[in-house]
mmCIF file of all heavy atoms, coordinates in Angstrom:
data_MODEL
# 
_entry.id   MODEL 
# 
loop_
_atom_site.group_PDB 
_atom_site.id 
_atom_site.type_symbol 
_atom_site.label_atom_id 
_atom_site.label_alt_id 
_atom_site.label_comp_id 
_atom_site.label_asym_id 
_atom_site.label_entity_id 
_atom_site.label_seq_id 
_atom_site.pdbx_PDB_ins_code 
_atom_site.Cartn_x 
_atom_site.Cartn_y 
_atom_site.Cartn_z 
_atom_site.occupancy 
_atom_site.B_iso_or_equiv 
_atom_site.pdbx_formal_charge 
_atom_site.auth_seq_id 
_atom_site.auth_comp_id 
_atom_site.auth_asym_id 
_atom_site.auth_atom_id 
_atom_site.pdbx_PDB_model_num 
ATOM 1   N N   . CYS A 1 1  ? 0.821  -1.216 0.009  1.00 0.00 ? 1  CYS A N   1 
ATOM 2   C CA  . CYS A 1 1  ? 0.011  0.002  0.013  1.00 0.00 ? 1  CYS A CA  1 
ATOM 3   C C   . CYS A 1 1  ? 0.836  1.255  -0.050 1.00 0.00 ? 1  CYS A C   1 
ATOM 4   O O   . CYS A 1 1  ? 0.259  2.369  -0.236 1.00 0.00 ? 1  CYS A O   1 
ATOM 5   C CB  . CYS A 1 1  ? -1.019 0.072  1.204  1.00 0.00 ? 1  CYS A CB  1 
ATOM 6   S SG  . CYS A 1 1  ? -0.120 -0.219 2.833  1.00 0.00 ? 1  CYS A SG  1 
ATOM 7   N N   . GLU A 1 2  ? 2.137  1.195  0.251  1.00 0.00 ? 2  GLU A N   1 
ATOM 8   C CA  . GLU A 1 2  ? 2.978  2.347  0.261  1.00 0.00 ? 2  GLU A CA  1 
ATOM 9   C C   . GLU A 1 2  ? 4.413  2.012  0.074  1.00 0.00 ? 2  GLU A C   1 
ATOM 10  O O   . GLU A 1 2  ? 4.921  0.962  0.459  1.00 0.00 ? 2  GLU A O   1 
ATOM 11  C CB  . GLU A 1 2  ? 2.823  3.072  1.611  1.00 0.00 ? 2  GLU A CB  1 
ATOM 12  C CG  . GLU A 1 2  ? 3.571  4.392  1.736  1.00 0.00 ? 2  GLU A CG  1 
ATOM 13  C CD  . GLU A 1 2  ? 3.308  5.064  3.072  1.00 0.00 ? 2  GLU A CD  1 
ATOM 14  O OE1 . GLU A 1 2  ? 2.272  4.863  3.702  1.00 0.00 ? 2  GLU A OE1 1 
ATOM 15  O OE2 . GLU A 1 2  ? 4.215  5.746  3.544  1.00 0.00 ? 2  GLU A OE2 1 
ATOM 16  N N   . CYS A 1 3  ? 5.091  2.912  -0.659 1.00 0.00 ? 3  CYS A N   1 
ATOM 17  C CA  . CYS A 1 3  ? 6.559  2.781  -0.864 1.00 0.00 ? 3  CYS A CA  1 
ATOM 18  C C   . CYS A 1 3  ? 7.139  4.186  -0.736 1.00 0.00 ? 3  CYS A C   1 
ATOM 19  O O   . CYS A 1 3  ? 6.429  5.210  -1.089 1.00 0.00 ? 3  CYS A O   1 
ATOM 20  C CB  . CYS A 1 3  ? 6.980  2.220  -2.226 1.00 0.00 ? 3  CYS A CB  1 
ATOM 21  S SG  . CYS A 1 3  ? 6.768  0.488  -2.388 1.00 0.00 ? 3  CYS A SG  1 
ATOM 22  N N   . GLY A 1 4  ? 8.381  4.330  -0.342 1.00 0.00 ? 4  GLY A N   1 
ATOM 23  C CA  . GLY A 1 4  ? 9.005  5.695  -0.286 1.00 0.00 ? 4  GLY A CA  1 
ATOM 24  C C   . GLY A 1 4  ? 10.474 5.653  0.081  1.00 0.00 ? 4  GLY A C   1 
ATOM 25  O O   . GLY A 1 4  ? 11.069 4.629  0.347  1.00 0.00 ? 4  GLY A O   1 
ATOM 26  N N   . PHE A 1 5  ? 11.022 6.795  -0.096 1.00 0.00 ? 5  PHE A N   1 
ATOM 27  C CA  . PHE A 1 5  ? 12.444 7.081  0.287  1.00 0.00 ? 5  PHE A CA  1 
ATOM 28  C C   . PHE A 1 5  ? 12.605 8.494  0.784  1.00 0.00 ? 5  PHE A C   1 
ATOM 29  O O   . PHE A 1 5  ? 11.772 9.329  0.443  1.00 0.00 ? 5  PHE A O   1 
ATOM 30  C CB  . PHE A 1 5  ? 13.376 6.787  -0.886 1.00 0.00 ? 5  PHE A CB  1 
ATOM 31  C CG  . PHE A 1 5  ? 13.234 7.754  -2.035 1.00 0.00 ? 5  PHE A CG  1 
ATOM 32  C CD1 . PHE A 1 5  ? 13.885 8.951  -1.998 1.00 0.00 ? 5  PHE A CD1 1 
ATOM 33  C CD2 . PHE A 1 5  ? 12.333 7.472  -3.073 1.00 0.00 ? 5  PHE A CD2 1 
ATOM 34  C CE1 . PHE A 1 5  ? 13.770 9.848  -3.084 1.00 0.00 ? 5  PHE A CE1 1 
ATOM 35  C CE2 . PHE A 1 5  ? 12.232 8.389  -4.162 1.00 0.00 ? 5  PHE A CE2 1 
ATOM 36  C CZ  . PHE A 1 5  ? 12.885 9.560  -4.166 1.00 0.00 ? 5  PHE A CZ  1 
ATOM 37  N N   . GLU A 1 6  ? 13.569 8.760  1.558  1.00 0.00 ? 6  GLU A N   1 
ATOM 38  C CA  . GLU A 1 6  ? 13.777 10.085 2.097  1.00 0.00 ? 6  GLU A CA  1 
ATOM 39  C C   . GLU A 1 6  ? 15.264 10.236 2.523  1.00 0.00 ? 6  GLU A C   1 
ATOM 40  O O   . GLU A 1 6  ? 15.850 9.328  3.160  1.00 0.00 ? 6  GLU A O   1 
ATOM 41  C CB  . GLU A 1 6  ? 12.858 10.427 3.196  1.00 0.00 ? 6  GLU A CB  1 
ATOM 42  C CG  . GLU A 1 6  ? 13.136 11.890 3.736  1.00 0.00 ? 6  GLU A CG  1 
ATOM 43  C CD  . GLU A 1 6  ? 12.062 12.377 4.718  1.00 0.00 ? 6  GLU A CD  1 
ATOM 44  O OE1 . GLU A 1 6  ? 11.245 11.498 5.174  1.00 0.00 ? 6  GLU A OE1 1 
ATOM 45  O OE2 . GLU A 1 6  ? 12.021 13.581 5.003  1.00 0.00 ? 6  GLU A OE2 1 
ATOM 46  N N   . GLU A 1 7  ? 15.836 11.336 2.149  1.00 0.00 ? 7  GLU A N   1 
ATOM 47  C CA  . GLU A 1 7  ? 17.209 11.728 2.605  1.00 0.00 ? 7  GLU A CA  1 
ATOM 48  C C   . GLU A 1 7  ? 16.923 12.929 3.512  1.00 0.00 ? 7  GLU A C   1 
ATOM 49  O O   . GLU A 1 7  ? 16.621 14.043 3.062  1.00 0.00 ? 7  GLU A O   1 
ATOM 50  C CB  . GLU A 1 7  ? 18.091 12.113 1.502  1.00 0.00 ? 7  GLU A CB  1 
ATOM 51  C CG  . GLU A 1 7  ? 19.488 12.562 1.922  1.00 0.00 ? 7  GLU A CG  1 
ATOM 52  C CD  . GLU A 1 7  ? 20.434 12.761 0.750  1.00 0.00 ? 7  GLU A CD  1 
ATOM 53  O OE1 . GLU A 1 7  ? 20.027 12.534 -0.396 1.00 0.00 ? 7  GLU A OE1 1 
ATOM 54  O OE2 . GLU A 1 7  ? 21.560 13.249 1.044  1.00 0.00 ? 7  GLU A OE2 1 
ATOM 55  N N   . CYS A 1 8  ? 17.041 12.733 4.821  1.00 0.00 ? 8  CYS A N   1 
ATOM 56  C CA  . CYS A 1 8  ? 16.547 13.714 5.746  1.00 0.00 ? 8  CYS A CA  1 
ATOM 57  C C   . CYS A 1 8  ? 17.540 14.821 6.041  1.00 0.00 ? 8  CYS A C   1 
ATOM 58  O O   . CYS A 1 8  ? 18.799 14.552 5.938  1.00 0.00 ? 8  CYS A O   1 
ATOM 59  C CB  . CYS A 1 8  ? 16.268 13.061 7.117  1.00 0.00 ? 8  CYS A CB  1 
ATOM 60  S SG  . CYS A 1 8  ? 14.909 11.886 7.073  1.00 0.00 ? 8  CYS A SG  1 
ATOM 61  N N   . ARG A 1 9  ? 17.128 15.967 6.332  1.00 0.00 ? 9  ARG A N   1 
ATOM 62  C CA  . ARG A 1 9  ? 17.929 17.072 6.744  1.00 0.00 ? 9  ARG A CA  1 
ATOM 63  C C   . ARG A 1 9  ? 18.127 16.985 8.242  1.00 0.00 ? 9  ARG A C   1 
ATOM 64  O O   . ARG A 1 9  ? 17.363 16.390 8.982  1.00 0.00 ? 9  ARG A O   1 
ATOM 65  C CB  . ARG A 1 9  ? 17.306 18.492 6.468  1.00 0.00 ? 9  ARG A CB  1 
ATOM 66  C CG  . ARG A 1 9  ? 17.119 18.590 4.885  1.00 0.00 ? 9  ARG A CG  1 
ATOM 67  C CD  . ARG A 1 9  ? 16.428 20.016 4.591  1.00 0.00 ? 9  ARG A CD  1 
ATOM 68  N NE  . ARG A 1 9  ? 16.241 20.213 3.236  1.00 0.00 ? 9  ARG A NE  1 
ATOM 69  C CZ  . ARG A 1 9  ? 17.141 20.784 2.400  1.00 0.00 ? 9  ARG A CZ  1 
ATOM 70  N NH1 . ARG A 1 9  ? 18.282 21.236 2.958  1.00 0.00 ? 9  ARG A NH1 1 
ATOM 71  N NH2 . ARG A 1 9  ? 16.865 20.958 1.163  1.00 0.00 ? 9  ARG A NH2 1 
ATOM 72  N N   . PRO A 1 10 ? 19.273 17.572 8.781  1.00 0.00 ? 10 PRO A N   1 
ATOM 73  C CA  . PRO A 1 10 ? 19.549 17.438 10.189 1.00 0.00 ? 10 PRO A CA  1 
ATOM 74  C C   . PRO A 1 10 ? 18.518 18.057 11.072 1.00 0.00 ? 10 PRO A C   1 
ATOM 75  O O   . PRO A 1 10 ? 18.218 17.656 12.171 1.00 0.00 ? 10 PRO A O   1 
ATOM 76  C CB  . PRO A 1 10 ? 20.853 18.150 10.388 1.00 0.00 ? 10 PRO A CB  1 
ATOM 77  C CG  . PRO A 1 10 ? 21.527 18.165 8.986  1.00 0.00 ? 10 PRO A CG  1 
ATOM 78  C CD  . PRO A 1 10 ? 20.364 18.246 8.063  1.00 0.00 ? 10 PRO A CD  1 
ATOM 79  N N   . THR A 1 11 ? 17.813 19.078 10.514 1.00 0.00 ? 11 THR A N   1 
ATOM 80  C CA  . THR A 1 11 ? 16.833 19.843 11.286 1.00 0.00 ? 11 THR A CA  1 
ATOM 81  C C   . THR A 1 11 ? 15.379 19.328 11.177 1.00 0.00 ? 11 THR A C   1 
ATOM 82  O O   . THR A 1 11 ? 14.459 19.836 11.707 1.00 0.00 ? 11 THR A O   1 
ATOM 83  C CB  . THR A 1 11 ? 16.759 21.303 10.804 1.00 0.00 ? 11 THR A CB  1 
ATOM 84  O OG1 . THR A 1 11 ? 16.567 21.374 9.421  1.00 0.00 ? 11 THR A OG1 1 
ATOM 85  C CG2 . THR A 1 11 ? 18.191 21.967 11.136 1.00 0.00 ? 11 THR A CG2 1 
ATOM 86  N N   . LYS A 1 12 ? 15.219 18.115 10.442 1.00 0.00 ? 12 LYS A N   1 
ATOM 87  C CA  . LYS A 1 12 ? 13.862 17.656 10.318 1.00 0.00 ? 12 LYS A CA  1 
ATOM 88  C C   . LYS A 1 12 ? 13.281 17.204 11.694 1.00 0.00 ? 12 LYS A C   1 
ATOM 89  O O   . LYS A 1 12 ? 13.934 16.512 12.420 1.00 0.00 ? 12 LYS A O   1 
ATOM 90  C CB  . LYS A 1 12 ? 13.884 16.393 9.420  1.00 0.00 ? 12 LYS A CB  1 
ATOM 91  C CG  . LYS A 1 12 ? 12.474 15.830 9.218  1.00 0.00 ? 12 LYS A CG  1 
ATOM 92  C CD  . LYS A 1 12 ? 12.386 14.725 8.257  1.00 0.00 ? 12 LYS A CD  1 
ATOM 93  C CE  . LYS A 1 12 ? 10.950 14.196 8.173  1.00 0.00 ? 12 LYS A CE  1 
ATOM 94  N NZ  . LYS A 1 12 ? 10.742 13.076 7.302  1.00 0.00 ? 12 LYS A NZ  1 
ATOM 95  N N   . PRO A 1 13 ? 12.087 17.638 11.987 1.00 0.00 ? 13 PRO A N   1 
ATOM 96  C CA  . PRO A 1 13 ? 11.428 17.286 13.283 1.00 0.00 ? 13 PRO A CA  1 
ATOM 97  C C   . PRO A 1 13 ? 11.066 15.821 13.250 1.00 0.00 ? 13 PRO A C   1 
ATOM 98  O O   . PRO A 1 13 ? 11.004 15.117 12.265 1.00 0.00 ? 13 PRO A O   1 
ATOM 99  C CB  . PRO A 1 13 ? 10.256 18.231 13.334 1.00 0.00 ? 13 PRO A CB  1 
ATOM 100 C CG  . PRO A 1 13 ? 9.874  18.425 11.943 1.00 0.00 ? 13 PRO A CG  1 
ATOM 101 C CD  . PRO A 1 13 ? 11.197 18.539 11.196 1.00 0.00 ? 13 PRO A CD  1 
ATOM 102 N N   . TYR A 1 14 ? 10.732 15.336 14.509 1.00 0.00 ? 14 TYR A N   1 
ATOM 103 C CA  . TYR A 1 14 ? 10.402 13.875 14.572 1.00 0.00 ? 14 TYR A CA  1 
ATOM 104 C C   . TYR A 1 14 ? 9.032  13.650 13.942 1.00 0.00 ? 14 TYR A C   1 
ATOM 105 O O   . TYR A 1 14 ? 8.181  14.497 13.854 1.00 0.00 ? 14 TYR A O   1 
ATOM 106 C CB  . TYR A 1 14 ? 10.461 13.386 16.034 1.00 0.00 ? 14 TYR A CB  1 
ATOM 107 C CG  . TYR A 1 14 ? 9.390  13.942 16.868 1.00 0.00 ? 14 TYR A CG  1 
ATOM 108 C CD1 . TYR A 1 14 ? 8.124  13.386 16.889 1.00 0.00 ? 14 TYR A CD1 1 
ATOM 109 C CD2 . TYR A 1 14 ? 9.666  14.908 17.842 1.00 0.00 ? 14 TYR A CD2 1 
ATOM 110 C CE1 . TYR A 1 14 ? 7.121  13.826 17.733 1.00 0.00 ? 14 TYR A CE1 1 
ATOM 111 C CE2 . TYR A 1 14 ? 8.646  15.396 18.692 1.00 0.00 ? 14 TYR A CE2 1 
ATOM 112 C CZ  . TYR A 1 14 ? 7.372  14.796 18.652 1.00 0.00 ? 14 TYR A CZ  1 
ATOM 113 O OH  . TYR A 1 14 ? 6.408  15.315 19.480 1.00 0.00 ? 14 TYR A OH  1 
ATOM 114 N N   . GLU A 1 15 ? 8.881  12.407 13.455 1.00 0.00 ? 15 GLU A N   1 
ATOM 115 C CA  . GLU A 1 15 ? 7.580  11.987 12.935 1.00 0.00 ? 15 GLU A CA  1 
ATOM 116 C C   . GLU A 1 15 ? 6.728  11.326 14.022 1.00 0.00 ? 15 GLU A C   1 
ATOM 117 O O   . GLU A 1 15 ? 7.279  10.671 14.913 1.00 0.00 ? 15 GLU A O   1 
ATOM 118 C CB  . GLU A 1 15 ? 7.855  10.988 11.758 1.00 0.00 ? 15 GLU A CB  1 
ATOM 119 C CG  . GLU A 1 15 ? 8.834  11.457 10.791 1.00 0.00 ? 15 GLU A CG  1 
ATOM 120 C CD  . GLU A 1 15 ? 8.154  11.639 9.371  1.00 0.00 ? 15 GLU A CD  1 
ATOM 121 O OE1 . GLU A 1 15 ? 6.986  11.442 9.320  1.00 0.00 ? 15 GLU A OE1 1 
ATOM 122 O OE2 . GLU A 1 15 ? 8.920  11.952 8.487  1.00 0.00 ? 15 GLU A OE2 1 
ATOM 123 N N   . PHE A 1 16 ? 5.398  11.517 13.970 1.00 0.00 ? 16 PHE A N   1 
ATOM 124 C CA  . PHE A 1 16 ? 4.571  10.861 14.889 1.00 0.00 ? 16 PHE A CA  1 
ATOM 125 C C   . PHE A 1 16 ? 3.263  10.487 14.139 1.00 0.00 ? 16 PHE A C   1 
ATOM 126 O O   . PHE A 1 16 ? 2.425  11.317 13.878 1.00 0.00 ? 16 PHE A O   1 
ATOM 127 C CB  . PHE A 1 16 ? 4.232  11.805 16.062 1.00 0.00 ? 16 PHE A CB  1 
ATOM 128 C CG  . PHE A 1 16 ? 3.342  11.120 17.059 1.00 0.00 ? 16 PHE A CG  1 
ATOM 129 C CD1 . PHE A 1 16 ? 3.778  10.176 17.933 1.00 0.00 ? 16 PHE A CD1 1 
ATOM 130 C CD2 . PHE A 1 16 ? 1.983  11.460 17.178 1.00 0.00 ? 16 PHE A CD2 1 
ATOM 131 C CE1 . PHE A 1 16 ? 2.963  9.514  18.848 1.00 0.00 ? 16 PHE A CE1 1 
ATOM 132 C CE2 . PHE A 1 16 ? 1.125  10.919 18.036 1.00 0.00 ? 16 PHE A CE2 1 
ATOM 133 C CZ  . PHE A 1 16 ? 1.606  9.883  18.862 1.00 0.00 ? 16 PHE A CZ  1 
ATOM 134 N N   . ILE A 1 17 ? 3.270  9.212  13.730 1.00 0.00 ? 17 ILE A N   1 
ATOM 135 C CA  . ILE A 1 17 ? 2.163  8.811  12.816 1.00 0.00 ? 17 ILE A CA  1 
ATOM 136 C C   . ILE A 1 17 ? 1.539  7.553  13.290 1.00 0.00 ? 17 ILE A C   1 
ATOM 137 O O   . ILE A 1 17 ? 2.153  6.555  13.624 1.00 0.00 ? 17 ILE A O   1 
ATOM 138 C CB  . ILE A 1 17 ? 2.721  8.552  11.376 1.00 0.00 ? 17 ILE A CB  1 
ATOM 139 C CG1 . ILE A 1 17 ? 3.535  9.730  10.928 1.00 0.00 ? 17 ILE A CG1 1 
ATOM 140 C CG2 . ILE A 1 17 ? 1.564  8.166  10.417 1.00 0.00 ? 17 ILE A CG2 1 
ATOM 141 C CD1 . ILE A 1 17 ? 4.194  9.530  9.568  1.00 0.00 ? 17 ILE A CD1 1 
ATOM 142 N N   . LEU A 1 18 ? 0.145  7.554  13.435 1.00 0.00 ? 18 LEU A N   1 
ATOM 143 C CA  . LEU A 1 18 ? -0.579 6.364  13.725 1.00 0.00 ? 18 LEU A CA  1 
ATOM 144 C C   . LEU A 1 18 ? -1.166 5.917  12.357 1.00 0.00 ? 18 LEU A C   1 
ATOM 145 O O   . LEU A 1 18 ? -1.785 6.593  11.626 1.00 0.00 ? 18 LEU A O   1 
ATOM 146 C CB  . LEU A 1 18 ? -1.692 6.674  14.632 1.00 0.00 ? 18 LEU A CB  1 
ATOM 147 C CG  . LEU A 1 18 ? -1.387 6.752  16.148 1.00 0.00 ? 18 LEU A CG  1 
ATOM 148 C CD1 . LEU A 1 18 ? -2.641 7.139  16.931 1.00 0.00 ? 18 LEU A CD1 1 
ATOM 149 C CD2 . LEU A 1 18 ? -0.879 5.357  16.616 1.00 0.00 ? 18 LEU A CD2 1 
ATOM 150 N N   . ILE A 1 19 ? -0.863 4.580  12.102 1.00 0.00 ? 19 ILE A N   1 
ATOM 151 C CA  . ILE A 1 19 ? -1.269 4.056  10.799 1.00 0.00 ? 19 ILE A CA  1 
ATOM 152 C C   . ILE A 1 19 ? -2.015 2.722  11.092 1.00 0.00 ? 19 ILE A C   1 
ATOM 153 O O   . ILE A 1 19 ? -1.878 2.113  12.125 1.00 0.00 ? 19 ILE A O   1 
ATOM 154 C CB  . ILE A 1 19 ? -0.015 3.786  9.906  1.00 0.00 ? 19 ILE A CB  1 
ATOM 155 C CG1 . ILE A 1 19 ? 1.028  3.017  10.760 1.00 0.00 ? 19 ILE A CG1 1 
ATOM 156 C CG2 . ILE A 1 19 ? 0.548  5.062  9.397  1.00 0.00 ? 19 ILE A CG2 1 
ATOM 157 C CD1 . ILE A 1 19 ? 2.252  2.606  9.867  1.00 0.00 ? 19 ILE A CD1 1 
ATOM 158 N N   . ASP A 1 20 ? -2.679 2.314  9.999  1.00 0.00 ? 20 ASP A N   1 
ATOM 159 C CA  . ASP A 1 20 ? -3.486 1.066  10.174 1.00 0.00 ? 20 ASP A CA  1 
ATOM 160 C C   . ASP A 1 20 ? -2.859 -0.096 9.363  1.00 0.00 ? 20 ASP A C   1 
ATOM 161 O O   . ASP A 1 20 ? -3.540 -1.021 8.988  1.00 0.00 ? 20 ASP A O   1 
ATOM 162 C CB  . ASP A 1 20 ? -4.932 1.277  9.796  1.00 0.00 ? 20 ASP A CB  1 
ATOM 163 C CG  . ASP A 1 20 ? -5.145 1.653  8.322  1.00 0.00 ? 20 ASP A CG  1 
ATOM 164 O OD1 . ASP A 1 20 ? -4.126 1.900  7.690  1.00 0.00 ? 20 ASP A OD1 1 
ATOM 165 O OD2 . ASP A 1 20 ? -6.246 1.754  7.876  1.00 0.00 ? 20 ASP A OD2 1 
ATOM 166 N N   . TYR A 1 21 ? -1.601 0.025  9.007  1.00 0.00 ? 21 TYR A N   1 
ATOM 167 C CA  . TYR A 1 21 ? -0.854 -1.061 8.261  1.00 0.00 ? 21 TYR A CA  1 
ATOM 168 C C   . TYR A 1 21 ? 0.573  -1.137 8.813  1.00 0.00 ? 21 TYR A C   1 
ATOM 169 O O   . TYR A 1 21 ? 1.017  -0.398 9.691  1.00 0.00 ? 21 TYR A O   1 
ATOM 170 C CB  . TYR A 1 21 ? -0.860 -0.741 6.775  1.00 0.00 ? 21 TYR A CB  1 
ATOM 171 C CG  . TYR A 1 21 ? -0.427 0.691  6.384  1.00 0.00 ? 21 TYR A CG  1 
ATOM 172 C CD1 . TYR A 1 21 ? 0.902  0.954  6.020  1.00 0.00 ? 21 TYR A CD1 1 
ATOM 173 C CD2 . TYR A 1 21 ? -1.321 1.694  6.334  1.00 0.00 ? 21 TYR A CD2 1 
ATOM 174 C CE1 . TYR A 1 21 ? 1.248  2.210  5.672  1.00 0.00 ? 21 TYR A CE1 1 
ATOM 175 C CE2 . TYR A 1 21 ? -0.901 2.993  5.996  1.00 0.00 ? 21 TYR A CE2 1 
ATOM 176 C CZ  . TYR A 1 21 ? 0.413  3.237  5.605  1.00 0.00 ? 21 TYR A CZ  1 
ATOM 177 O OH  . TYR A 1 21 ? 0.807  4.510  5.307  1.00 0.00 ? 21 TYR A OH  1 
ATOM 178 N N   . TRP A 1 22 ? 1.289  -2.159 8.269  1.00 0.00 ? 22 TRP A N   1 
ATOM 179 C CA  . TRP A 1 22 ? 2.683  -2.419 8.679  1.00 0.00 ? 22 TRP A CA  1 
ATOM 180 C C   . TRP A 1 22 ? 3.690  -1.666 7.786  1.00 0.00 ? 22 TRP A C   1 
ATOM 181 O O   . TRP A 1 22 ? 3.560  -1.753 6.555  1.00 0.00 ? 22 TRP A O   1 
ATOM 182 C CB  . TRP A 1 22 ? 2.970  -3.872 8.610  1.00 0.00 ? 22 TRP A CB  1 
ATOM 183 C CG  . TRP A 1 22 ? 1.905  -4.778 9.424  1.00 0.00 ? 22 TRP A CG  1 
ATOM 184 C CD1 . TRP A 1 22 ? 0.713  -5.085 8.901  1.00 0.00 ? 22 TRP A CD1 1 
ATOM 185 C CD2 . TRP A 1 22 ? 2.054  -5.272 10.675 1.00 0.00 ? 22 TRP A CD2 1 
ATOM 186 N NE1 . TRP A 1 22 ? 0.083  -5.928 9.816  1.00 0.00 ? 22 TRP A NE1 1 
ATOM 187 C CE2 . TRP A 1 22 ? 0.896  -6.006 10.966 1.00 0.00 ? 22 TRP A CE2 1 
ATOM 188 C CE3 . TRP A 1 22 ? 3.093  -5.280 11.670 1.00 0.00 ? 22 TRP A CE3 1 
ATOM 189 C CZ2 . TRP A 1 22 ? 0.702  -6.742 12.137 1.00 0.00 ? 22 TRP A CZ2 1 
ATOM 190 C CZ3 . TRP A 1 22 ? 2.864  -5.984 12.812 1.00 0.00 ? 22 TRP A CZ3 1 
ATOM 191 C CH2 . TRP A 1 22 ? 1.667  -6.657 13.104 1.00 0.00 ? 22 TRP A CH2 1 
ATOM 192 N N   . VAL A 1 23 ? 4.683  -1.001 8.390  1.00 0.00 ? 23 VAL A N   1 
ATOM 193 C CA  . VAL A 1 23 ? 5.617  -0.267 7.623  1.00 0.00 ? 23 VAL A CA  1 
ATOM 194 C C   . VAL A 1 23 ? 7.041  -0.752 8.057  1.00 0.00 ? 23 VAL A C   1 
ATOM 195 O O   . VAL A 1 23 ? 7.359  -0.792 9.201  1.00 0.00 ? 23 VAL A O   1 
ATOM 196 C CB  . VAL A 1 23 ? 5.553  1.212  7.776  1.00 0.00 ? 23 VAL A CB  1 
ATOM 197 C CG1 . VAL A 1 23 ? 6.666  1.982  6.995  1.00 0.00 ? 23 VAL A CG1 1 
ATOM 198 C CG2 . VAL A 1 23 ? 4.164  1.760  7.348  1.00 0.00 ? 23 VAL A CG2 1 
ATOM 199 N N   . ILE A 1 24 ? 7.836  -1.177 7.037  1.00 0.00 ? 24 ILE A N   1 
ATOM 200 C CA  . ILE A 1 24 ? 9.211  -1.590 7.278  1.00 0.00 ? 24 ILE A CA  1 
ATOM 201 C C   . ILE A 1 24 ? 10.102 -0.522 6.708  1.00 0.00 ? 24 ILE A C   1 
ATOM 202 O O   . ILE A 1 24 ? 10.063 -0.227 5.491  1.00 0.00 ? 24 ILE A O   1 
ATOM 203 C CB  . ILE A 1 24 ? 9.463  -2.925 6.622  1.00 0.00 ? 24 ILE A CB  1 
ATOM 204 C CG1 . ILE A 1 24 ? 8.501  -3.978 7.093  1.00 0.00 ? 24 ILE A CG1 1 
ATOM 205 C CG2 . ILE A 1 24 ? 10.895 -3.445 6.985  1.00 0.00 ? 24 ILE A CG2 1 
ATOM 206 C CD1 . ILE A 1 24 ? 8.604  -5.305 6.354  1.00 0.00 ? 24 ILE A CD1 1 
ATOM 207 N N   . HIS A 1 25 ? 11.006 0.041  7.550  1.00 0.00 ? 25 HIS A N   1 
ATOM 208 C CA  . HIS A 1 25 ? 11.995 0.971  7.133  1.00 0.00 ? 25 HIS A CA  1 
ATOM 209 C C   . HIS A 1 25 ? 13.372 0.352  7.069  1.00 0.00 ? 25 HIS A C   1 
ATOM 210 O O   . HIS A 1 25 ? 13.701 -0.538 7.868  1.00 0.00 ? 25 HIS A O   1 
ATOM 211 C CB  . HIS A 1 25 ? 12.196 2.138  8.083  1.00 0.00 ? 25 HIS A CB  1 
ATOM 212 C CG  . HIS A 1 25 ? 10.903 3.077  8.160  1.00 0.00 ? 25 HIS A CG  1 
ATOM 213 N ND1 . HIS A 1 25 ? 9.728  2.759  8.709  1.00 0.00 ? 25 HIS A ND1 1 
ATOM 214 C CD2 . HIS A 1 25 ? 10.727 4.364  7.637  1.00 0.00 ? 25 HIS A CD2 1 
ATOM 215 C CE1 . HIS A 1 25 ? 8.862  3.742  8.628  1.00 0.00 ? 25 HIS A CE1 1 
ATOM 216 N NE2 . HIS A 1 25 ? 9.419  4.714  7.923  1.00 0.00 ? 25 HIS A NE2 1 
# 
């Protein structure tokens, strides 16, 4: 149901996400 990639910046705030599926990073 989802795919993605990200190259984060040092200043990126934390993520806080409630989801109804399984996500593997």
